Amino acid sequence: MEPDQHFYVYILYSESFDKFYIGQTNDLAARFSRHEKGYVKSTKRFRPWKMVHSEEYNSRTDSVRREGRLKSWKSKSMIKKLVDTSR
């Protein structure tokens, strides 16, 4: 485990395209800024984004595992349910 470092799984939502994006990072604010500024190729054309959900983990291993689990759902309705219940 990395000392005093946190990792995050996050979900972004594009209202314009009704699209979710799931990712993980160790710096939530910086990563969101990169998405919003168009520096992330896979999300650039779907801007603007809203951060609609995030989860904190103590290890990158745990955050990557959770990111993979969420991405495996392949269901917008399941992701929306998670987002709605976390608000």
N, C-alpha and C. Protein backbone atom coordinates (compact mmCIF):
# COMPACT_ATOMS: atom_id res chain seq x y z
N MET A 1 0.85 -1.19 0.00
CA MET A 1 0.00 0.00 0.00
C MET A 1 0.89 1.24 0.00
N GLU A 2 0.53 2.21 -0.81
CA GLU A 2 1.26 3.46 -0.89
C GLU A 2 0.97 4.30 0.35
N PRO A 3 2.00 4.83 1.00
CA PRO A 3 1.78 5.60 2.24
C PRO A 3 1.04 6.91 1.97
N ASP A 4 -0.03 7.13 2.72
CA ASP A 4 -0.79 8.38 2.66
C ASP A 4 -1.20 8.81 1.25
N GLN A 5 -1.37 7.87 0.37
CA GLN A 5 -1.83 8.21 -0.97
C GLN A 5 -3.17 7.54 -1.19
N HIS A 6 -4.06 8.27 -1.81
CA HIS A 6 -5.39 7.75 -2.08
C HIS A 6 -5.61 7.65 -3.57
N PHE A 7 -6.47 6.73 -3.94
CA PHE A 7 -6.80 6.51 -5.34
C PHE A 7 -8.32 6.57 -5.46
N TYR A 8 -8.77 6.93 -6.63
CA TYR A 8 -10.19 7.18 -6.82
C TYR A 8 -10.70 6.50 -8.08
N VAL A 9 -11.91 6.01 -7.99
CA VAL A 9 -12.68 5.59 -9.15
C VAL A 9 -13.74 6.66 -9.31
N TYR A 10 -13.94 7.11 -10.54
CA TYR A 10 -14.90 8.19 -10.74
C TYR A 10 -15.78 7.91 -11.94
N ILE A 11 -16.94 8.53 -11.93
CA ILE A 11 -17.86 8.44 -13.06
C ILE A 11 -18.20 9.85 -13.49
N LEU A 12 -18.00 10.10 -14.78
CA LEU A 12 -18.37 11.37 -15.39
C LEU A 12 -19.63 11.15 -16.21
N TYR A 13 -20.39 12.23 -16.38
CA TYR A 13 -21.60 12.15 -17.19
C TYR A 13 -21.65 13.35 -18.13
N SER A 14 -21.93 13.06 -19.39
CA SER A 14 -22.13 14.09 -20.40
C SER A 14 -23.62 14.19 -20.69
N GLU A 15 -24.23 15.28 -20.25
CA GLU A 15 -25.66 15.48 -20.52
C GLU A 15 -25.90 15.64 -22.02
N SER A 16 -24.99 16.31 -22.70
CA SER A 16 -25.16 16.57 -24.13
C SER A 16 -25.27 15.28 -24.94
N PHE A 17 -24.57 14.24 -24.50
CA PHE A 17 -24.54 12.98 -25.24
C PHE A 17 -25.15 11.81 -24.46
N ASP A 18 -25.66 12.08 -23.26
CA ASP A 18 -26.23 11.04 -22.40
C ASP A 18 -25.26 9.86 -22.29
N LYS A 19 -24.03 10.18 -21.90
CA LYS A 19 -22.96 9.19 -21.87
C LYS A 19 -22.21 9.25 -20.54
N PHE A 20 -21.89 8.05 -20.01
CA PHE A 20 -21.07 7.94 -18.81
C PHE A 20 -19.65 7.58 -19.20
N TYR A 21 -18.70 8.00 -18.37
CA TYR A 21 -17.30 7.60 -18.52
C TYR A 21 -16.80 7.19 -17.15
N ILE A 22 -16.13 6.04 -17.06
CA ILE A 22 -15.61 5.52 -15.80
C ILE A 22 -14.09 5.51 -15.87
N GLY A 23 -13.45 6.03 -14.83
CA GLY A 23 -11.99 6.05 -14.80
C GLY A 23 -11.47 5.94 -13.38
N GLN A 24 -10.13 5.92 -13.26
CA GLN A 24 -9.51 5.90 -11.93
C GLN A 24 -8.25 6.76 -11.98
N THR A 25 -7.89 7.31 -10.83
CA THR A 25 -6.77 8.24 -10.75
C THR A 25 -6.30 8.37 -9.31
N ASN A 26 -5.15 9.00 -9.13
CA ASN A 26 -4.71 9.33 -7.78
C ASN A 26 -4.86 10.83 -7.49
N ASP A 27 -5.33 11.59 -8.48
CA ASP A 27 -5.57 13.03 -8.31
C ASP A 27 -6.86 13.40 -9.03
N LEU A 28 -7.95 13.35 -8.30
CA LEU A 28 -9.29 13.53 -8.87
C LEU A 28 -9.46 14.89 -9.55
N ALA A 29 -9.04 15.96 -8.89
CA ALA A 29 -9.22 17.30 -9.46
C ALA A 29 -8.42 17.48 -10.74
N ALA A 30 -7.19 17.03 -10.75
CA ALA A 30 -6.34 17.17 -11.93
C ALA A 30 -6.88 16.34 -13.09
N ARG A 31 -7.33 15.13 -12.78
CA ARG A 31 -7.85 14.27 -13.85
C ARG A 31 -9.12 14.84 -14.44
N PHE A 32 -10.01 15.36 -13.60
CA PHE A 32 -11.24 15.96 -14.11
C PHE A 32 -10.90 17.17 -14.99
N SER A 33 -9.94 17.96 -14.57
CA SER A 33 -9.51 19.11 -15.36
C SER A 33 -9.01 18.68 -16.74
N ARG A 34 -8.27 17.59 -16.79
CA ARG A 34 -7.78 17.08 -18.08
C ARG A 34 -8.94 16.67 -18.98
N HIS A 35 -9.96 16.06 -18.41
CA HIS A 35 -11.14 15.69 -19.20
C HIS A 35 -11.82 16.95 -19.73
N GLU A 36 -12.02 17.92 -18.87
CA GLU A 36 -12.73 19.14 -19.25
C GLU A 36 -11.97 19.97 -20.28
N LYS A 37 -10.66 19.95 -20.23
CA LYS A 37 -9.85 20.74 -21.17
C LYS A 37 -9.65 20.03 -22.51
N GLY A 38 -10.13 18.80 -22.61
CA GLY A 38 -10.03 18.07 -23.86
C GLY A 38 -8.71 17.35 -24.06
N TYR A 39 -7.96 17.13 -23.00
CA TYR A 39 -6.66 16.46 -23.11
C TYR A 39 -6.77 14.93 -23.14
N VAL A 40 -7.96 14.40 -22.89
CA VAL A 40 -8.17 12.95 -22.89
C VAL A 40 -8.91 12.60 -24.18
N LYS A 41 -8.21 11.88 -25.05
CA LYS A 41 -8.73 11.59 -26.39
C LYS A 41 -10.11 10.93 -26.37
N SER A 42 -10.29 9.97 -25.47
CA SER A 42 -11.54 9.21 -25.47
C SER A 42 -12.75 10.00 -24.95
N THR A 43 -12.52 11.13 -24.29
CA THR A 43 -13.64 11.90 -23.75
C THR A 43 -13.78 13.29 -24.37
N LYS A 44 -12.81 13.69 -25.15
CA LYS A 44 -12.75 15.05 -25.68
C LYS A 44 -14.04 15.48 -26.40
N ARG A 45 -14.56 14.65 -27.26
CA ARG A 45 -15.71 15.07 -28.08
C ARG A 45 -17.04 15.06 -27.33
N PHE A 46 -17.05 14.56 -26.09
CA PHE A 46 -18.30 14.47 -25.34
C PHE A 46 -18.44 15.56 -24.28
N ARG A 47 -17.54 16.53 -24.28
CA ARG A 47 -17.59 17.61 -23.29
C ARG A 47 -18.85 18.46 -23.47
N PRO A 48 -19.31 19.10 -22.42
CA PRO A 48 -18.76 19.16 -21.07
C PRO A 48 -19.17 17.94 -20.24
N TRP A 49 -18.39 17.68 -19.20
CA TRP A 49 -18.63 16.56 -18.29
C TRP A 49 -19.00 17.07 -16.91
N LYS A 50 -19.75 16.24 -16.19
CA LYS A 50 -20.03 16.47 -14.77
C LYS A 50 -19.47 15.28 -14.00
N MET A 51 -18.84 15.53 -12.87
CA MET A 51 -18.42 14.45 -11.98
C MET A 51 -19.66 14.06 -11.18
N VAL A 52 -20.16 12.84 -11.40
CA VAL A 52 -21.41 12.43 -10.75
C VAL A 52 -21.21 11.38 -9.66
N HIS A 53 -20.00 10.81 -9.58
CA HIS A 53 -19.76 9.78 -8.56
C HIS A 53 -18.26 9.59 -8.40
N SER A 54 -17.83 9.37 -7.16
CA SER A 54 -16.43 8.99 -6.93
C SER A 54 -16.35 8.11 -5.69
N GLU A 55 -15.34 7.25 -5.68
CA GLU A 55 -15.08 6.36 -4.57
C GLU A 55 -13.59 6.43 -4.26
N GLU A 56 -13.23 6.40 -2.99
CA GLU A 56 -11.83 6.51 -2.57
C GLU A 56 -11.29 5.15 -2.12
N TYR A 57 -10.05 4.87 -2.52
CA TYR A 57 -9.39 3.62 -2.15
C TYR A 57 -7.99 3.90 -1.64
N ASN A 58 -7.45 2.97 -0.84
CA ASN A 58 -6.11 3.12 -0.28
C ASN A 58 -5.02 2.55 -1.17
N SER A 59 -5.40 1.83 -2.22
CA SER A 59 -4.38 1.27 -3.12
C SER A 59 -4.84 1.36 -4.56
N ARG A 60 -3.87 1.48 -5.46
CA ARG A 60 -4.18 1.51 -6.89
C ARG A 60 -4.80 0.17 -7.30
N THR A 61 -4.32 -0.91 -6.73
CA THR A 61 -4.86 -2.24 -7.05
C THR A 61 -6.37 -2.28 -6.81
N ASP A 62 -6.80 -1.77 -5.67
CA ASP A 62 -8.24 -1.77 -5.36
C ASP A 62 -9.02 -0.87 -6.31
N SER A 63 -8.47 0.29 -6.63
CA SER A 63 -9.19 1.22 -7.51
C SER A 63 -9.28 0.66 -8.93
N VAL A 64 -8.21 0.04 -9.41
CA VAL A 64 -8.23 -0.55 -10.75
C VAL A 64 -9.22 -1.72 -10.80
N ARG A 65 -9.25 -2.51 -9.74
CA ARG A 65 -10.19 -3.63 -9.67
C ARG A 65 -11.64 -3.12 -9.72
N ARG A 66 -11.93 -2.08 -8.94
CA ARG A 66 -13.29 -1.53 -8.93
C ARG A 66 -13.65 -0.90 -10.27
N GLU A 67 -12.70 -0.18 -10.87
CA GLU A 67 -12.93 0.41 -12.19
C GLU A 67 -13.31 -0.69 -13.19
N GLY A 68 -12.56 -1.78 -13.19
CA GLY A 68 -12.85 -2.89 -14.09
C GLY A 68 -14.22 -3.50 -13.85
N ARG A 69 -14.57 -3.62 -12.57
CA ARG A 69 -15.88 -4.17 -12.24
C ARG A 69 -17.00 -3.27 -12.77
N LEU A 70 -16.87 -1.97 -12.56
CA LEU A 70 -17.90 -1.05 -13.06
C LEU A 70 -17.98 -1.07 -14.58
N LYS A 71 -16.83 -1.09 -15.24
CA LYS A 71 -16.82 -1.11 -16.71
C LYS A 71 -17.40 -2.42 -17.24
N SER A 72 -17.29 -3.50 -16.49
CA SER A 72 -17.81 -4.79 -16.95
C SER A 72 -19.33 -4.82 -16.94
N TRP A 73 -19.95 -3.90 -16.22
CA TRP A 73 -21.42 -3.88 -16.18
C TRP A 73 -22.01 -3.66 -17.56
N LYS A 74 -21.39 -2.82 -18.37
CA LYS A 74 -21.86 -2.55 -19.73
C LYS A 74 -23.34 -2.17 -19.77
N SER A 75 -23.82 -1.61 -18.70
CA SER A 75 -25.24 -1.27 -18.61
C SER A 75 -25.39 0.15 -18.08
N LYS A 76 -25.89 1.02 -18.92
CA LYS A 76 -26.10 2.40 -18.50
C LYS A 76 -27.08 2.47 -17.33
N SER A 77 -28.07 1.59 -17.31
CA SER A 77 -29.06 1.63 -16.23
C SER A 77 -28.44 1.24 -14.89
N MET A 78 -27.51 0.29 -14.88
CA MET A 78 -26.86 -0.09 -13.62
C MET A 78 -25.94 1.03 -13.13
N ILE A 79 -25.24 1.67 -14.05
CA ILE A 79 -24.36 2.78 -13.67
C ILE A 79 -25.21 3.94 -13.15
N LYS A 80 -26.31 4.23 -13.82
CA LYS A 80 -27.20 5.31 -13.39
C LYS A 80 -27.76 5.02 -12.00
N LYS A 81 -28.10 3.77 -11.74
CA LYS A 81 -28.62 3.39 -10.43
C LYS A 81 -27.56 3.63 -9.34
N LEU A 82 -26.31 3.26 -9.61
CA LEU A 82 -25.23 3.51 -8.66
C LEU A 82 -25.08 5.01 -8.40
N VAL A 83 -25.08 5.80 -9.46
CA VAL A 83 -24.94 7.25 -9.33
C VAL A 83 -26.11 7.82 -8.53
N ASP A 84 -27.31 7.40 -8.85
CA ASP A 84 -28.50 7.93 -8.17
C ASP A 84 -28.52 7.57 -6.67
N THR A 85 -28.07 6.37 -6.33
CA THR A 85 -28.10 5.96 -4.94
C THR A 85 -26.96 6.57 -4.13
N SER A 86 -25.96 7.09 -4.80
CA SER A 86 -24.83 7.69 -4.07
C SER A 86 -25.02 9.18 -3.80
N ARG A 87 -26.08 9.74 -4.30
CA ARG A 87 -26.32 11.18 -4.10
C ARG A 87 -27.03 11.44 -2.82
